[in-house]
N, C-alpha and C. Protein backbone atom coordinates (compact mmCIF):
# COMPACT_ATOMS: atom_id res chain seq x y z
N MET A 1 0.82 -1.19 0.00
CA MET A 1 0.00 0.00 0.00
C MET A 1 0.86 1.26 0.00
N THR A 2 1.98 1.20 0.73
CA THR A 2 2.84 2.38 0.78
C THR A 2 3.51 2.64 -0.56
N ILE A 3 3.76 1.59 -1.32
CA ILE A 3 4.35 1.78 -2.65
C ILE A 3 3.37 2.52 -3.55
N LEU A 4 2.10 2.16 -3.46
CA LEU A 4 1.08 2.83 -4.26
C LEU A 4 0.94 4.30 -3.86
N LEU A 5 0.95 4.57 -2.57
CA LEU A 5 0.87 5.96 -2.11
C LEU A 5 2.09 6.75 -2.54
N LYS A 6 3.27 6.12 -2.48
CA LYS A 6 4.49 6.80 -2.93
C LYS A 6 4.41 7.11 -4.42
N GLN A 7 3.91 6.16 -5.21
CA GLN A 7 3.77 6.40 -6.65
C GLN A 7 2.74 7.49 -6.92
N LEU A 8 1.68 7.52 -6.14
CA LEU A 8 0.66 8.55 -6.31
C LEU A 8 1.23 9.93 -5.98
N MET A 9 1.99 10.04 -4.92
CA MET A 9 2.62 11.31 -4.56
C MET A 9 3.66 11.72 -5.62
N THR A 10 4.37 10.75 -6.14
CA THR A 10 5.32 11.03 -7.22
C THR A 10 4.59 11.53 -8.46
N PHE A 11 3.42 10.95 -8.74
CA PHE A 11 2.63 11.39 -9.89
C PHE A 11 2.14 12.82 -9.69
N ILE A 12 1.72 13.16 -8.49
CA ILE A 12 1.28 14.54 -8.21
C ILE A 12 2.45 15.50 -8.35
N ASN A 13 3.62 15.10 -7.85
CA ASN A 13 4.82 15.94 -8.05
C ASN A 13 5.15 16.08 -9.52
N LEU A 14 4.94 15.01 -10.28
CA LEU A 14 5.19 15.04 -11.72
C LEU A 14 4.25 16.01 -12.42
N LEU A 15 2.99 16.02 -12.00
CA LEU A 15 2.05 16.97 -12.60
C LEU A 15 2.43 18.41 -12.29
N ASN A 16 3.03 18.64 -11.13
CA ASN A 16 3.41 19.99 -10.74
C ASN A 16 4.78 20.39 -11.27
N SER A 17 5.50 19.46 -11.86
CA SER A 17 6.85 19.75 -12.33
C SER A 17 6.82 20.38 -13.73
N ASP A 18 7.98 20.58 -14.28
CA ASP A 18 8.10 21.15 -15.61
C ASP A 18 8.21 20.08 -16.70
N THR A 19 7.92 18.84 -16.35
CA THR A 19 7.95 17.76 -17.32
C THR A 19 6.91 18.03 -18.40
N GLY A 20 7.26 17.72 -19.63
CA GLY A 20 6.38 17.98 -20.75
C GLY A 20 5.05 17.26 -20.63
N SER A 21 4.00 17.93 -21.02
CA SER A 21 2.67 17.33 -20.93
C SER A 21 2.51 16.17 -21.92
N ASN A 22 3.23 16.21 -23.03
CA ASN A 22 3.16 15.09 -23.98
C ASN A 22 3.70 13.81 -23.38
N GLN A 23 4.80 13.91 -22.61
CA GLN A 23 5.39 12.73 -22.00
C GLN A 23 4.46 12.12 -20.96
N ILE A 24 3.83 12.98 -20.16
CA ILE A 24 2.92 12.48 -19.13
C ILE A 24 1.67 11.89 -19.77
N ALA A 25 1.13 12.57 -20.77
CA ALA A 25 -0.07 12.07 -21.45
C ALA A 25 0.20 10.75 -22.17
N ALA A 26 1.38 10.62 -22.76
CA ALA A 26 1.74 9.35 -23.40
C ALA A 26 1.88 8.25 -22.36
N GLY A 27 2.39 8.60 -21.19
CA GLY A 27 2.47 7.63 -20.11
C GLY A 27 1.10 7.16 -19.65
N ILE A 28 0.16 8.08 -19.58
CA ILE A 28 -1.20 7.71 -19.17
C ILE A 28 -1.85 6.83 -20.24
N ALA A 29 -1.62 7.14 -21.50
CA ALA A 29 -2.18 6.32 -22.58
C ALA A 29 -1.54 4.92 -22.58
N CYS A 30 -0.25 4.84 -22.31
CA CYS A 30 0.40 3.53 -22.20
C CYS A 30 -0.11 2.78 -20.98
N GLY A 31 -0.42 3.51 -19.92
CA GLY A 31 -0.99 2.89 -18.73
C GLY A 31 -2.36 2.28 -19.01
N LEU A 32 -3.12 2.92 -19.89
CA LEU A 32 -4.40 2.35 -20.31
C LEU A 32 -4.19 0.98 -20.95
N ILE A 33 -3.24 0.90 -21.86
CA ILE A 33 -2.96 -0.37 -22.54
C ILE A 33 -2.43 -1.40 -21.55
N LEU A 34 -1.53 -0.96 -20.64
CA LEU A 34 -0.99 -1.88 -19.64
C LEU A 34 -2.06 -2.37 -18.67
N GLY A 35 -2.94 -1.48 -18.27
CA GLY A 35 -3.98 -1.85 -17.32
C GLY A 35 -5.01 -2.79 -17.88
N PHE A 36 -5.29 -2.69 -19.16
CA PHE A 36 -6.28 -3.56 -19.79
C PHE A 36 -5.69 -4.89 -20.26
N ALA A 37 -4.38 -4.98 -20.38
CA ALA A 37 -3.72 -6.20 -20.87
C ALA A 37 -3.47 -7.17 -19.71
N PRO A 38 -3.39 -8.47 -20.01
CA PRO A 38 -2.99 -9.42 -18.96
C PRO A 38 -1.57 -9.09 -18.48
N LEU A 39 -1.31 -9.36 -17.20
CA LEU A 39 -0.05 -8.95 -16.60
C LEU A 39 1.15 -9.60 -17.27
N ILE A 40 1.07 -10.87 -17.53
CA ILE A 40 2.20 -11.56 -18.17
C ILE A 40 1.79 -11.88 -19.60
N SER A 41 2.13 -10.97 -20.50
CA SER A 41 1.80 -11.18 -21.90
C SER A 41 2.78 -10.39 -22.77
N LEU A 42 2.73 -10.67 -24.03
CA LEU A 42 3.61 -10.00 -24.97
C LEU A 42 3.26 -8.54 -25.15
N GLN A 43 1.97 -8.19 -24.97
CA GLN A 43 1.55 -6.80 -25.09
C GLN A 43 2.27 -5.93 -24.06
N VAL A 44 2.36 -6.42 -22.83
CA VAL A 44 3.01 -5.66 -21.76
C VAL A 44 4.47 -5.44 -22.10
N LEU A 45 5.14 -6.46 -22.60
CA LEU A 45 6.54 -6.32 -23.00
C LEU A 45 6.71 -5.29 -24.11
N LEU A 46 5.82 -5.32 -25.10
CA LEU A 46 5.90 -4.35 -26.20
C LEU A 46 5.66 -2.92 -25.73
N VAL A 47 4.72 -2.74 -24.80
CA VAL A 47 4.46 -1.39 -24.27
C VAL A 47 5.67 -0.90 -23.48
N PHE A 48 6.30 -1.78 -22.69
CA PHE A 48 7.49 -1.36 -21.94
C PHE A 48 8.65 -1.04 -22.87
N ILE A 49 8.78 -1.76 -23.95
CA ILE A 49 9.82 -1.43 -24.93
C ILE A 49 9.57 -0.05 -25.51
N CYS A 50 8.31 0.26 -25.83
CA CYS A 50 7.97 1.60 -26.33
C CYS A 50 8.24 2.67 -25.29
N ILE A 51 7.93 2.37 -24.03
CA ILE A 51 8.17 3.35 -22.96
C ILE A 51 9.65 3.66 -22.85
N PHE A 52 10.48 2.63 -22.94
CA PHE A 52 11.92 2.84 -22.78
C PHE A 52 12.58 3.41 -24.03
N MET A 53 12.01 3.16 -25.21
CA MET A 53 12.60 3.68 -26.44
C MET A 53 12.25 5.15 -26.68
N PHE A 54 11.05 5.54 -26.31
CA PHE A 54 10.60 6.90 -26.54
C PHE A 54 10.57 7.64 -25.22
N ARG A 55 10.39 8.93 -25.27
CA ARG A 55 10.37 9.74 -24.05
C ARG A 55 8.97 9.72 -23.45
N ILE A 56 8.67 8.62 -22.78
CA ILE A 56 7.38 8.45 -22.15
C ILE A 56 7.61 8.35 -20.65
N GLN A 57 6.82 9.05 -19.89
CA GLN A 57 6.97 9.09 -18.44
C GLN A 57 6.50 7.77 -17.83
N ILE A 58 7.46 7.00 -17.28
CA ILE A 58 7.15 5.67 -16.76
C ILE A 58 6.33 5.74 -15.48
N GLY A 59 6.53 6.76 -14.67
CA GLY A 59 5.74 6.90 -13.44
C GLY A 59 4.27 7.10 -13.75
N ALA A 60 3.98 7.93 -14.74
CA ALA A 60 2.60 8.14 -15.14
C ALA A 60 2.01 6.86 -15.72
N ALA A 61 2.81 6.11 -16.45
CA ALA A 61 2.32 4.85 -17.03
C ALA A 61 1.99 3.84 -15.94
N LEU A 62 2.83 3.72 -14.93
CA LEU A 62 2.59 2.74 -13.87
C LEU A 62 1.40 3.12 -12.99
N VAL A 63 1.29 4.40 -12.64
CA VAL A 63 0.16 4.82 -11.81
C VAL A 63 -1.15 4.66 -12.57
N SER A 64 -1.17 5.06 -13.83
CA SER A 64 -2.40 4.92 -14.60
C SER A 64 -2.69 3.45 -14.91
N ALA A 65 -1.66 2.61 -15.03
CA ALA A 65 -1.90 1.19 -15.26
C ALA A 65 -2.60 0.56 -14.06
N VAL A 66 -2.20 0.95 -12.87
CA VAL A 66 -2.87 0.44 -11.67
C VAL A 66 -4.32 0.90 -11.65
N PHE A 67 -4.54 2.17 -11.96
CA PHE A 67 -5.91 2.70 -11.98
C PHE A 67 -6.76 1.96 -13.01
N PHE A 68 -6.25 1.82 -14.23
CA PHE A 68 -7.04 1.17 -15.28
C PHE A 68 -7.22 -0.32 -15.02
N ALA A 69 -6.25 -0.96 -14.37
CA ALA A 69 -6.41 -2.38 -14.02
C ALA A 69 -7.50 -2.56 -12.97
N LEU A 70 -7.63 -1.57 -12.08
CA LEU A 70 -8.67 -1.67 -11.05
C LEU A 70 -10.07 -1.51 -11.63
N ILE A 71 -10.21 -0.76 -12.70
CA ILE A 71 -11.54 -0.58 -13.29
C ILE A 71 -11.79 -1.47 -14.50
N ALA A 72 -10.78 -2.21 -14.95
CA ALA A 72 -10.93 -3.01 -16.17
C ALA A 72 -11.97 -4.12 -15.99
N TRP A 73 -12.05 -4.68 -14.81
CA TRP A 73 -13.00 -5.77 -14.61
C TRP A 73 -14.46 -5.32 -14.76
N LEU A 74 -14.70 -4.02 -14.59
CA LEU A 74 -16.05 -3.52 -14.80
C LEU A 74 -16.47 -3.62 -16.27
N PHE A 75 -15.49 -3.55 -17.14
CA PHE A 75 -15.77 -3.57 -18.58
C PHE A 75 -15.58 -4.94 -19.21
N ASP A 76 -15.38 -5.98 -18.41
CA ASP A 76 -15.19 -7.31 -18.96
C ASP A 76 -16.35 -7.78 -19.85
N PRO A 77 -17.61 -7.52 -19.52
CA PRO A 77 -18.67 -7.93 -20.46
C PRO A 77 -18.56 -7.24 -21.82
N VAL A 78 -18.18 -5.96 -21.81
CA VAL A 78 -18.00 -5.24 -23.08
C VAL A 78 -16.82 -5.82 -23.83
N PHE A 79 -15.71 -6.06 -23.11
CA PHE A 79 -14.52 -6.63 -23.76
C PHE A 79 -14.83 -8.01 -24.33
N SER A 80 -15.61 -8.79 -23.61
CA SER A 80 -15.94 -10.14 -24.07
C SER A 80 -16.78 -10.09 -25.35
N SER A 81 -17.73 -9.19 -25.41
CA SER A 81 -18.56 -9.12 -26.62
C SER A 81 -17.77 -8.59 -27.81
N VAL A 82 -16.91 -7.60 -27.57
CA VAL A 82 -16.06 -7.08 -28.67
C VAL A 82 -15.10 -8.17 -29.14
N GLY A 83 -14.45 -8.84 -28.19
CA GLY A 83 -13.50 -9.89 -28.54
C GLY A 83 -14.16 -11.06 -29.25
N SER A 84 -15.36 -11.45 -28.78
CA SER A 84 -16.08 -12.55 -29.44
C SER A 84 -16.46 -12.18 -30.86
N ALA A 85 -16.88 -10.95 -31.06
CA ALA A 85 -17.25 -10.52 -32.41
C ALA A 85 -16.04 -10.57 -33.35
N ILE A 86 -14.87 -10.20 -32.83
CA ILE A 86 -13.67 -10.23 -33.67
C ILE A 86 -13.21 -11.66 -33.91
N LEU A 87 -13.18 -12.45 -32.84
CA LEU A 87 -12.67 -13.82 -32.97
C LEU A 87 -13.60 -14.72 -33.77
N GLU A 88 -14.89 -14.43 -33.79
CA GLU A 88 -15.85 -15.26 -34.51
C GLU A 88 -16.10 -14.78 -35.94
N ALA A 89 -15.41 -13.76 -36.36
CA ALA A 89 -15.57 -13.27 -37.73
C ALA A 89 -15.03 -14.33 -38.70
N GLU A 90 -15.86 -14.71 -39.62
CA GLU A 90 -15.50 -15.76 -40.58
C GLU A 90 -14.29 -15.37 -41.43
N SER A 91 -14.20 -14.11 -41.79
CA SER A 91 -13.11 -13.66 -42.66
C SER A 91 -11.74 -13.67 -41.96
N MET A 92 -11.74 -13.73 -40.63
CA MET A 92 -10.48 -13.67 -39.89
C MET A 92 -9.98 -15.04 -39.42
N ARG A 93 -10.71 -16.10 -39.68
CA ARG A 93 -10.34 -17.43 -39.17
C ARG A 93 -8.98 -17.88 -39.67
N SER A 94 -8.70 -17.71 -40.92
CA SER A 94 -7.40 -18.16 -41.45
C SER A 94 -6.27 -17.33 -40.87
N VAL A 95 -6.52 -16.05 -40.66
CA VAL A 95 -5.50 -15.17 -40.06
C VAL A 95 -5.21 -15.61 -38.63
N PHE A 96 -6.25 -15.89 -37.86
CA PHE A 96 -6.06 -16.30 -36.47
C PHE A 96 -5.40 -17.68 -36.38
N ALA A 97 -5.73 -18.58 -37.32
CA ALA A 97 -5.09 -19.90 -37.34
C ALA A 97 -3.60 -19.76 -37.64
N ALA A 98 -3.25 -18.89 -38.57
CA ALA A 98 -1.83 -18.67 -38.89
C ALA A 98 -1.12 -18.01 -37.71
N MET A 99 -1.78 -17.07 -37.06
CA MET A 99 -1.17 -16.40 -35.90
C MET A 99 -0.95 -17.38 -34.75
N TYR A 100 -1.88 -18.30 -34.55
CA TYR A 100 -1.75 -19.24 -33.45
C TYR A 100 -0.58 -20.19 -33.67
N ASN A 101 -0.22 -20.43 -34.92
CA ASN A 101 0.89 -21.33 -35.24
C ASN A 101 2.23 -20.63 -35.30
N MET A 102 2.26 -19.32 -35.11
CA MET A 102 3.52 -18.58 -35.09
C MET A 102 4.21 -18.78 -33.73
N PRO A 103 5.52 -18.54 -33.68
CA PRO A 103 6.24 -18.84 -32.44
C PRO A 103 5.86 -17.97 -31.23
N LEU A 104 5.78 -16.65 -31.34
CA LEU A 104 5.58 -15.79 -30.19
C LEU A 104 4.17 -15.22 -30.05
N ILE A 105 3.42 -15.20 -31.11
CA ILE A 105 2.10 -14.56 -31.11
C ILE A 105 1.13 -15.19 -30.10
N PRO A 106 1.15 -16.50 -29.86
CA PRO A 106 0.23 -17.04 -28.85
C PRO A 106 0.48 -16.49 -27.43
N LEU A 107 1.65 -15.90 -27.19
CA LEU A 107 1.93 -15.31 -25.89
C LEU A 107 1.10 -14.05 -25.64
N THR A 108 0.44 -13.54 -26.67
CA THR A 108 -0.44 -12.38 -26.48
C THR A 108 -1.80 -12.80 -25.93
N HIS A 109 -2.09 -14.10 -25.92
CA HIS A 109 -3.38 -14.63 -25.48
C HIS A 109 -4.53 -14.05 -26.30
N PHE A 110 -4.28 -13.84 -27.59
CA PHE A 110 -5.28 -13.22 -28.46
C PHE A 110 -6.51 -14.09 -28.63
N ASN A 111 -6.40 -15.39 -28.37
CA ASN A 111 -7.55 -16.28 -28.57
C ASN A 111 -8.56 -16.21 -27.42
N ASN A 112 -8.28 -15.45 -26.39
CA ASN A 112 -9.24 -15.21 -25.30
C ASN A 112 -10.09 -13.99 -25.69
N SER A 113 -11.39 -14.14 -25.58
CA SER A 113 -12.27 -13.06 -26.05
C SER A 113 -12.12 -11.79 -25.21
N ILE A 114 -11.93 -11.93 -23.91
CA ILE A 114 -11.76 -10.73 -23.07
C ILE A 114 -10.45 -10.04 -23.38
N THR A 115 -9.38 -10.82 -23.57
CA THR A 115 -8.08 -10.24 -23.89
C THR A 115 -8.11 -9.55 -25.25
N MET A 116 -8.74 -10.18 -26.22
CA MET A 116 -8.84 -9.57 -27.56
C MET A 116 -9.67 -8.30 -27.50
N GLY A 117 -10.79 -8.35 -26.82
CA GLY A 117 -11.64 -7.16 -26.72
C GLY A 117 -10.97 -6.04 -25.96
N ALA A 118 -10.26 -6.37 -24.87
CA ALA A 118 -9.55 -5.35 -24.10
C ALA A 118 -8.41 -4.75 -24.91
N GLY A 119 -7.72 -5.57 -25.67
CA GLY A 119 -6.62 -5.05 -26.49
C GLY A 119 -7.11 -4.12 -27.59
N VAL A 120 -8.15 -4.52 -28.28
CA VAL A 120 -8.69 -3.67 -29.35
C VAL A 120 -9.28 -2.39 -28.77
N THR A 121 -10.00 -2.52 -27.66
CA THR A 121 -10.60 -1.34 -27.03
C THR A 121 -9.54 -0.38 -26.53
N SER A 122 -8.49 -0.91 -25.89
CA SER A 122 -7.44 -0.03 -25.38
C SER A 122 -6.68 0.65 -26.50
N LEU A 123 -6.44 -0.05 -27.59
CA LEU A 123 -5.77 0.60 -28.73
C LEU A 123 -6.66 1.66 -29.37
N ALA A 124 -7.97 1.42 -29.38
CA ALA A 124 -8.89 2.41 -29.95
C ALA A 124 -9.03 3.62 -29.03
N LEU A 125 -8.99 3.42 -27.71
CA LEU A 125 -9.17 4.52 -26.78
C LEU A 125 -7.88 5.28 -26.46
N ALA A 126 -6.72 4.70 -26.74
CA ALA A 126 -5.44 5.31 -26.37
C ALA A 126 -5.26 6.73 -26.94
N PRO A 127 -5.56 6.99 -28.21
CA PRO A 127 -5.42 8.37 -28.70
C PRO A 127 -6.34 9.36 -27.99
N PHE A 128 -7.56 8.93 -27.70
CA PHE A 128 -8.49 9.81 -26.99
C PHE A 128 -8.01 10.08 -25.57
N VAL A 129 -7.50 9.05 -24.91
CA VAL A 129 -6.96 9.21 -23.56
C VAL A 129 -5.74 10.13 -23.59
N PHE A 130 -4.90 10.01 -24.61
CA PHE A 130 -3.73 10.86 -24.73
C PHE A 130 -4.14 12.33 -24.82
N PHE A 131 -5.03 12.65 -25.75
CA PHE A 131 -5.42 14.05 -25.94
C PHE A 131 -6.23 14.60 -24.76
N ALA A 132 -7.08 13.77 -24.18
CA ALA A 132 -7.86 14.22 -23.02
C ALA A 132 -6.97 14.46 -21.81
N SER A 133 -6.02 13.57 -21.57
CA SER A 133 -5.13 13.76 -20.43
C SER A 133 -4.18 14.93 -20.66
N LYS A 134 -3.76 15.15 -21.89
CA LYS A 134 -2.91 16.30 -22.17
C LYS A 134 -3.67 17.59 -21.89
N ARG A 135 -4.91 17.65 -22.32
CA ARG A 135 -5.72 18.84 -22.07
C ARG A 135 -5.96 19.04 -20.57
N LEU A 136 -6.23 17.95 -19.85
CA LEU A 136 -6.44 18.05 -18.41
C LEU A 136 -5.17 18.47 -17.67
N ILE A 137 -4.02 17.97 -18.11
CA ILE A 137 -2.75 18.35 -17.48
C ILE A 137 -2.49 19.84 -17.68
N LEU A 138 -2.69 20.31 -18.90
CA LEU A 138 -2.44 21.73 -19.17
C LEU A 138 -3.41 22.63 -18.39
N SER A 139 -4.67 22.23 -18.33
CA SER A 139 -5.61 23.06 -17.57
C SER A 139 -5.35 22.97 -16.07
N TYR A 140 -4.91 21.82 -15.59
CA TYR A 140 -4.53 21.68 -14.18
C TYR A 140 -3.37 22.60 -13.84
N ARG A 141 -2.38 22.61 -14.71
CA ARG A 141 -1.20 23.44 -14.44
C ARG A 141 -1.54 24.93 -14.48
N VAL A 142 -2.43 25.33 -15.35
CA VAL A 142 -2.77 26.74 -15.45
C VAL A 142 -3.73 27.16 -14.35
N GLN A 143 -4.79 26.42 -14.18
CA GLN A 143 -5.84 26.84 -13.26
C GLN A 143 -5.53 26.56 -11.80
N ILE A 144 -5.04 25.39 -11.48
CA ILE A 144 -4.88 25.02 -10.08
C ILE A 144 -3.50 25.37 -9.55
N VAL A 145 -2.46 24.95 -10.24
CA VAL A 145 -1.10 25.16 -9.72
C VAL A 145 -0.75 26.64 -9.67
N GLN A 146 -1.05 27.37 -10.71
CA GLN A 146 -0.70 28.80 -10.72
C GLN A 146 -1.48 29.57 -9.66
N ARG A 147 -2.75 29.24 -9.49
CA ARG A 147 -3.54 29.91 -8.45
C ARG A 147 -3.02 29.58 -7.06
N PHE A 148 -2.65 28.31 -6.85
CA PHE A 148 -2.16 27.91 -5.54
C PHE A 148 -0.82 28.57 -5.23
N ARG A 149 0.05 28.64 -6.22
CA ARG A 149 1.37 29.25 -5.98
C ARG A 149 1.29 30.76 -5.79
N SER A 150 0.23 31.39 -6.22
CA SER A 150 0.08 32.82 -5.99
C SER A 150 -0.75 33.12 -4.73
N SER A 151 -1.17 32.08 -4.01
CA SER A 151 -1.98 32.29 -2.81
C SER A 151 -1.10 32.62 -1.61
N ARG A 152 -1.73 33.13 -0.60
CA ARG A 152 -1.02 33.49 0.63
C ARG A 152 -0.51 32.26 1.37
N VAL A 153 -1.30 31.20 1.32
CA VAL A 153 -0.91 29.97 2.00
C VAL A 153 0.43 29.45 1.46
N TRP A 154 0.58 29.44 0.14
CA TRP A 154 1.82 28.97 -0.47
C TRP A 154 2.98 29.89 -0.10
N LYS A 155 2.75 31.18 -0.12
CA LYS A 155 3.81 32.12 0.22
C LYS A 155 4.23 31.97 1.67
N LEU A 156 3.27 31.73 2.56
CA LEU A 156 3.60 31.48 3.96
C LEU A 156 4.36 30.17 4.11
N TRP A 157 3.94 29.14 3.37
CA TRP A 157 4.58 27.84 3.45
C TRP A 157 6.02 27.90 2.96
N THR A 158 6.29 28.64 1.88
CA THR A 158 7.64 28.71 1.35
C THR A 158 8.58 29.46 2.27
N GLY A 159 8.06 30.22 3.20
CA GLY A 159 8.90 30.95 4.13
C GLY A 159 9.25 30.18 5.39
N THR A 160 8.69 28.98 5.57
CA THR A 160 8.94 28.23 6.79
C THR A 160 10.24 27.44 6.71
N VAL A 161 10.71 27.05 7.87
CA VAL A 161 11.93 26.25 7.97
C VAL A 161 11.70 24.86 7.38
N PHE A 162 10.50 24.31 7.58
CA PHE A 162 10.19 22.98 7.07
C PHE A 162 10.27 22.93 5.54
N PHE A 163 9.78 23.97 4.89
CA PHE A 163 9.85 24.01 3.43
C PHE A 163 11.29 24.09 2.95
N LYS A 164 12.11 24.87 3.64
CA LYS A 164 13.52 24.98 3.26
C LYS A 164 14.23 23.65 3.44
N MET A 165 13.89 22.94 4.54
CA MET A 165 14.48 21.62 4.75
C MET A 165 14.01 20.64 3.67
N TYR A 166 12.73 20.70 3.31
CA TYR A 166 12.18 19.83 2.28
C TYR A 166 12.81 20.11 0.93
N SER A 167 12.96 21.37 0.59
CA SER A 167 13.55 21.70 -0.71
C SER A 167 15.02 21.29 -0.76
N THR A 168 15.74 21.41 0.36
CA THR A 168 17.12 20.96 0.42
C THR A 168 17.18 19.44 0.26
N TYR A 169 16.26 18.73 0.92
CA TYR A 169 16.18 17.28 0.82
C TYR A 169 15.88 16.86 -0.62
N GLU A 170 14.96 17.56 -1.27
CA GLU A 170 14.59 17.25 -2.64
C GLU A 170 15.76 17.45 -3.60
N LYS A 171 16.60 18.46 -3.34
CA LYS A 171 17.76 18.69 -4.22
C LYS A 171 18.75 17.54 -4.14
N PHE A 172 18.94 17.01 -2.93
CA PHE A 172 19.91 15.94 -2.76
C PHE A 172 19.36 14.56 -3.11
N GLN A 173 18.09 14.34 -2.86
CA GLN A 173 17.49 13.03 -3.10
C GLN A 173 16.92 12.88 -4.50
N GLY A 174 16.57 13.97 -5.14
CA GLY A 174 16.03 13.93 -6.50
C GLY A 174 14.65 13.57 -6.50
């Protein structure tokens, strides 16, 4: 539980930092895909490769993956119907048979209707989640953070000894 709280606090610090909104939004979109995918699968490995190859915020991806994994079970009936419709399509049977006989593709668990539906749904929703989270991050930074930093409470807090100790600790600990 403390690891989750630490990650959540790190995510809040990340939102308040100067980190690019594209990196955080891409992390949240990758977290959507991670949260909807089975934990041990090829999809998760591919998403982590993308996270490490591109400038994607891994903290945002992990926090959002936990969030999306917690709510994914609510959408299992939808995922099952979407996956069943795709897997039962007559025109795709030969493609799925060839994929099942390939060396690594069965590790994606694509033949499970919930996994197929969750994968297709997460890939379809990822661009929308990216743009929505980017917009929310930018509005959060403008409306909430700027107002809070110009308030009297923040100015009083920055003048205390505790804040100076915290900022010194943050410089050394990162």
